[in-house]
N, C-alpha and C. Protein backbone atom coordinates (compact mmCIF):
# COMPACT_ATOMS: atom_id res chain seq x y z
N UNK A 1 1.13 31.12 -54.05
CA UNK A 1 1.75 31.48 -53.10
C UNK A 1 1.37 31.53 -51.79
N UNK A 2 0.51 32.94 -51.77
CA UNK A 2 -0.05 32.82 -50.58
C UNK A 2 -0.91 31.91 -49.59
N UNK A 3 -1.64 31.18 -50.68
CA UNK A 3 -2.48 30.03 -50.31
C UNK A 3 -1.77 28.90 -49.61
N UNK A 4 -0.53 29.07 -50.15
CA UNK A 4 0.46 27.68 -49.54
C UNK A 4 1.04 28.42 -48.41
N UNK A 5 1.61 29.58 -47.91
CA UNK A 5 1.90 29.87 -46.86
C UNK A 5 0.93 30.03 -45.83
N UNK A 6 -0.53 30.25 -46.31
CA UNK A 6 -1.43 30.38 -45.27
C UNK A 6 -1.79 28.96 -44.81
N UNK A 7 -1.59 28.09 -45.93
CA UNK A 7 -2.32 26.78 -45.35
C UNK A 7 -1.16 26.13 -44.36
N UNK A 8 0.08 26.35 -44.56
CA UNK A 8 1.28 25.80 -43.74
C UNK A 8 0.97 26.34 -42.44
N UNK A 9 0.68 27.74 -42.29
CA UNK A 9 0.62 28.30 -41.16
C UNK A 9 -0.57 27.59 -40.48
N UNK A 10 -1.72 27.27 -41.17
CA UNK A 10 -3.02 26.88 -40.23
C UNK A 10 -2.74 25.39 -40.07
N UNK A 11 -1.80 24.61 -40.49
CA UNK A 11 -1.42 23.23 -40.67
C UNK A 11 -0.48 23.12 -39.28
N UNK A 12 0.58 24.18 -39.09
CA UNK A 12 1.49 24.18 -38.03
C UNK A 12 0.86 24.55 -36.70
N UNK A 13 -0.14 25.95 -36.76
CA UNK A 13 -0.91 25.73 -35.67
C UNK A 13 -1.94 24.98 -35.37
N UNK A 14 -2.52 24.05 -36.11
CA UNK A 14 -3.27 22.60 -35.65
C UNK A 14 -2.34 21.69 -35.03
N UNK A 15 -1.09 21.36 -35.59
CA UNK A 15 -0.55 20.50 -35.01
C UNK A 15 0.46 20.96 -33.74
N UNK A 16 0.39 22.25 -33.68
CA UNK A 16 0.86 22.67 -32.28
C UNK A 16 0.01 22.52 -31.12
N UNK A 17 -1.41 22.61 -31.68
CA UNK A 17 -2.48 22.50 -30.55
C UNK A 17 -2.64 21.05 -30.29
N UNK A 18 -2.58 20.36 -31.32
CA UNK A 18 -2.79 18.88 -30.93
C UNK A 18 -1.72 18.34 -29.82
N UNK A 19 -0.28 18.68 -30.36
CA UNK A 19 0.77 18.40 -29.40
C UNK A 19 0.53 18.94 -27.83
N UNK A 20 0.30 20.11 -28.03
CA UNK A 20 0.06 20.74 -26.59
C UNK A 20 -1.28 19.97 -25.73
N UNK A 21 -2.33 19.66 -26.58
CA UNK A 21 -3.25 19.00 -25.69
C UNK A 21 -2.64 17.77 -25.25
N UNK A 22 -1.99 16.66 -26.05
CA UNK A 22 -1.41 15.42 -25.60
C UNK A 22 -0.58 15.71 -24.65
N UNK A 23 0.42 16.56 -24.35
CA UNK A 23 1.29 16.81 -23.50
C UNK A 23 0.56 17.15 -22.38
N UNK A 24 -0.30 18.01 -22.30
CA UNK A 24 -1.20 18.29 -21.17
C UNK A 24 -1.61 16.92 -20.50
N UNK A 25 -2.14 16.25 -21.30
CA UNK A 25 -2.82 14.86 -20.72
C UNK A 25 -1.78 14.10 -20.25
N UNK A 26 -0.58 14.04 -20.69
CA UNK A 26 0.55 13.24 -20.16
C UNK A 26 0.89 13.88 -18.79
N UNK A 27 1.09 14.91 -18.72
CA UNK A 27 1.13 15.67 -17.30
C UNK A 27 0.41 15.50 -16.60
N UNK A 28 -0.80 15.59 -16.72
CA UNK A 28 -1.81 15.25 -15.97
C UNK A 28 -1.65 13.84 -15.03
N UNK A 29 -1.51 12.92 -16.24
CA UNK A 29 -1.44 11.39 -15.72
C UNK A 29 0.20 11.31 -14.64
N UNK A 30 0.99 12.13 -15.08
CA UNK A 30 2.39 12.29 -14.37
C UNK A 30 1.84 12.77 -12.86
N UNK A 31 1.05 13.77 -13.12
CA UNK A 31 0.95 14.71 -11.63
C UNK A 31 0.16 13.51 -10.76
N UNK A 32 -1.03 12.73 -11.37
CA UNK A 32 -1.39 12.00 -10.59
C UNK A 32 -0.83 10.70 -10.13
N UNK A 33 -0.12 10.30 -10.80
CA UNK A 33 0.96 9.16 -10.43
C UNK A 33 1.54 9.66 -9.21
N UNK A 34 2.19 11.05 -9.37
CA UNK A 34 3.45 11.52 -8.29
C UNK A 34 2.51 11.60 -7.10
N UNK A 35 1.48 11.91 -7.11
CA UNK A 35 0.66 12.23 -5.93
C UNK A 35 0.25 10.87 -5.26
N UNK A 36 0.01 9.98 -6.04
CA UNK A 36 -0.22 8.28 -5.35
C UNK A 36 0.95 8.11 -4.75
N UNK A 37 2.10 8.13 -5.50
CA UNK A 37 3.17 7.72 -4.89
C UNK A 37 3.92 8.52 -3.82
N UNK A 38 3.60 9.60 -3.57
CA UNK A 38 3.73 10.40 -2.36
C UNK A 38 3.01 10.00 -0.87
N UNK A 39 1.72 9.91 -1.37
CA UNK A 39 0.98 9.32 -0.41
C UNK A 39 1.36 7.77 0.23
N UNK A 40 1.81 6.76 -0.91
CA UNK A 40 2.15 5.51 -0.48
C UNK A 40 3.63 5.41 0.07
N UNK A 41 4.36 6.34 -0.31
CA UNK A 41 5.54 6.65 0.48
C UNK A 41 5.54 7.09 1.73
N UNK A 42 4.50 7.90 2.09
CA UNK A 42 4.26 8.61 3.56
C UNK A 42 3.88 7.09 4.54
N UNK A 43 2.86 6.47 3.78
CA UNK A 43 2.10 5.43 4.47
C UNK A 43 3.36 4.16 4.78
N UNK A 44 3.98 4.12 3.88
CA UNK A 44 5.15 2.95 3.83
C UNK A 44 6.07 3.31 5.15
N UNK A 45 6.46 4.56 5.00
CA UNK A 45 7.19 5.31 6.11
C UNK A 45 6.65 5.01 7.57
N UNK A 46 5.29 5.33 7.73
CA UNK A 46 4.81 5.19 8.99
C UNK A 46 4.65 3.48 9.22
N UNK A 47 4.46 2.59 8.09
CA UNK A 47 4.34 1.25 8.50
C UNK A 47 5.72 0.66 9.03
N UNK A 48 6.71 1.19 8.53
CA UNK A 48 8.06 0.72 8.59
C UNK A 48 8.44 1.22 10.09
N UNK A 49 8.15 2.37 10.39
CA UNK A 49 8.29 2.75 11.73
C UNK A 49 7.72 1.97 12.79
N UNK A 50 6.26 1.83 12.46
CA UNK A 50 5.49 0.93 13.29
C UNK A 50 6.06 -0.62 13.66
N UNK A 51 6.32 -0.94 12.44
CA UNK A 51 7.34 -2.50 12.39
C UNK A 51 8.47 -2.61 13.20
N UNK A 52 9.34 -1.62 12.80
CA UNK A 52 10.41 -1.45 13.43
C UNK A 52 10.55 -0.99 15.11
N UNK A 53 9.62 -0.21 15.46
CA UNK A 53 9.47 -0.25 17.00
C UNK A 53 8.86 -1.09 17.60
N UNK A 54 7.76 -1.88 17.11
CA UNK A 54 7.03 -2.68 17.69
C UNK A 54 7.79 -4.40 17.57
N UNK A 55 8.53 -4.52 16.58
CA UNK A 55 8.62 -5.92 16.73
C UNK A 55 10.18 -6.30 17.40
N UNK A 56 10.76 -5.19 17.85
CA UNK A 56 11.92 -5.50 18.89
C UNK A 56 11.62 -6.36 20.07
N UNK A 57 12.13 -7.36 20.40
CA UNK A 57 11.73 -7.97 21.65
C UNK A 57 11.82 -7.16 23.03
N UNK A 58 12.89 -6.38 22.89
CA UNK A 58 12.94 -5.50 24.04
C UNK A 58 12.10 -4.23 24.18
N UNK A 59 11.47 -3.84 23.29
CA UNK A 59 10.30 -3.12 22.93
C UNK A 59 8.82 -3.72 23.47
N UNK A 60 8.73 -5.06 22.87
CA UNK A 60 7.74 -5.80 23.36
C UNK A 60 7.65 -6.15 24.77
N UNK A 61 8.76 -6.55 25.41
CA UNK A 61 8.42 -6.81 27.09
C UNK A 61 8.56 -5.27 27.63
N UNK A 62 8.94 -4.25 27.31
CA UNK A 62 8.62 -2.97 27.84
C UNK A 62 7.39 -2.47 27.63
N UNK A 63 6.51 -2.74 26.64
CA UNK A 63 5.20 -2.48 26.59
C UNK A 63 4.23 -3.33 27.47
N UNK A 64 4.89 -4.64 27.59
CA UNK A 64 4.13 -5.52 28.30
C UNK A 64 4.17 -4.97 29.70
N UNK A 65 5.37 -4.63 30.12
CA UNK A 65 5.46 -4.34 31.62
C UNK A 65 4.63 -3.22 31.79
N UNK A 66 4.94 -2.01 30.91
CA UNK A 66 4.33 -0.71 31.08
C UNK A 66 2.67 -0.52 31.04
N UNK A 67 2.13 -1.51 29.93
CA UNK A 67 0.79 -1.13 29.78
C UNK A 67 0.06 -2.49 30.33
N UNK A 68 0.57 -3.56 30.46
CA UNK A 68 -0.27 -4.71 30.51
C UNK A 68 -0.20 -5.33 32.01
N UNK A 69 0.86 -5.19 32.77
CA UNK A 69 1.43 -5.71 34.09
C UNK A 69 1.36 -7.33 33.78
N UNK A 70 0.55 -7.69 34.46
CA UNK A 70 0.32 -9.10 34.57
C UNK A 70 -0.87 -9.60 34.02
N UNK A 71 -1.05 -8.89 33.00
CA UNK A 71 -2.46 -9.33 32.33
C UNK A 71 -2.10 -10.36 31.27
N UNK A 72 -1.14 -10.23 30.73
CA UNK A 72 -0.62 -11.33 29.69
C UNK A 72 0.06 -12.63 30.22
N UNK A 73 -0.73 -13.58 29.40
CA UNK A 73 0.17 -15.08 30.10
C UNK A 73 0.73 -15.73 28.82
N UNK A 74 1.87 -16.49 29.02
CA UNK A 74 2.23 -17.26 28.14
C UNK A 74 1.22 -18.63 27.62
N UNK A 75 1.18 -18.38 26.39
CA UNK A 75 0.38 -19.67 25.96
C UNK A 75 1.20 -20.36 25.09
N UNK A 76 1.33 -21.77 25.31
CA UNK A 76 1.98 -22.67 24.14
C UNK A 76 1.20 -22.69 22.92
N UNK A 77 2.10 -22.51 21.89
CA UNK A 77 1.43 -22.34 20.38
C UNK A 77 0.91 -23.59 20.09
N UNK A 78 1.09 -24.64 20.66
CA UNK A 78 0.79 -26.17 20.13
C UNK A 78 -0.92 -25.76 20.66
N UNK A 79 -1.24 -25.36 21.62
CA UNK A 79 -2.58 -25.32 22.23
C UNK A 79 -3.30 -24.44 21.44
N UNK A 80 -2.91 -23.38 20.62
CA UNK A 80 -3.61 -22.43 19.95
C UNK A 80 -4.65 -23.21 18.73
N UNK A 81 -5.73 -23.06 18.73
CA UNK A 81 -6.39 -23.69 17.44
C UNK A 81 -7.10 -22.65 16.39
N UNK A 82 -7.49 -23.30 15.25
CA UNK A 82 -7.88 -22.61 14.18
C UNK A 82 -9.57 -22.77 14.15
N UNK A 83 -10.39 -21.90 13.94
CA UNK A 83 -11.92 -22.24 13.69
C UNK A 83 -12.33 -21.71 12.35
N UNK A 84 -12.83 -22.84 11.83
CA UNK A 84 -13.50 -21.90 10.42
C UNK A 84 -14.74 -22.71 10.27
N UNK A 85 -15.29 -22.19 9.24
CA UNK A 85 -17.10 -22.58 8.96
C UNK A 85 -16.89 -22.84 7.64
N UNK A 86 -17.57 -24.36 7.33
CA UNK A 86 -17.60 -24.77 5.96
C UNK A 86 -18.84 -25.55 5.86
N UNK A 87 -19.63 -25.44 5.19
CA UNK A 87 -21.09 -25.66 4.85
C UNK A 87 -21.68 -25.89 6.28
N UNK A 88 -22.03 -24.44 6.90
CA UNK A 88 -22.74 -24.44 8.31
C UNK A 88 -21.98 -25.34 9.14
N UNK A 89 -21.05 -25.88 9.30
CA UNK A 89 -20.26 -26.67 10.23
C UNK A 89 -18.98 -25.92 10.58
N UNK A 90 -18.85 -25.98 11.87
CA UNK A 90 -17.62 -25.16 12.44
C UNK A 90 -16.43 -26.40 12.86
N UNK A 91 -15.47 -26.02 11.88
CA UNK A 91 -14.23 -26.98 12.00
C UNK A 91 -13.05 -26.26 13.34
N UNK A 92 -12.60 -27.13 13.85
CA UNK A 92 -11.56 -26.76 14.82
C UNK A 92 -10.13 -27.54 14.25
N UNK A 93 -9.12 -27.00 13.87
CA UNK A 93 -7.95 -27.49 13.46
C UNK A 93 -6.85 -26.97 14.21
N UNK A 94 -5.83 -27.59 14.45
CA UNK A 94 -4.43 -27.15 14.95
C UNK A 94 -4.21 -25.90 14.20
N UNK A 95 -3.57 -24.62 14.87
CA UNK A 95 -2.81 -23.87 14.39
C UNK A 95 -2.03 -24.07 13.67
N UNK A 96 -1.04 -24.72 14.71
CA UNK A 96 0.35 -25.37 14.00
C UNK A 96 0.10 -26.87 14.15
N UNK A 97 0.54 -27.47 12.86
CA UNK A 97 0.64 -28.80 12.76
C UNK A 97 1.45 -29.81 13.66
N UNK A 98 1.21 -30.59 14.73
CA UNK A 98 1.83 -31.05 15.46
C UNK A 98 2.72 -32.39 14.64
N UNK A 99 3.95 -32.51 14.69
CA UNK A 99 4.62 -33.39 14.28
C UNK A 99 5.16 -34.75 15.00
N UNK A 100 4.36 -34.82 16.08
CA UNK A 100 4.39 -35.97 16.70
C UNK A 100 3.79 -37.32 16.09
């Protein structure tokens, strides 16, 4: 009877330590994932603020007047070209395909 009680106590101790180790590993993984999520949320917030602040036309016109004054000029988008290199050849294409 004592052997059975002693064996069952040892088995319970072994099972408890296995469960504790596995939950510790899971908790570590959850912590790392949560830390990554926190940093990504902060980065997303910064990017959204920058996008919302800079994307409004009023803000862009304000920045142009404030920082660039007459340095910026309007360019027809059809005149913009795309430069690429293929097999040591430089290829110049229209950035926007002309529908004419």
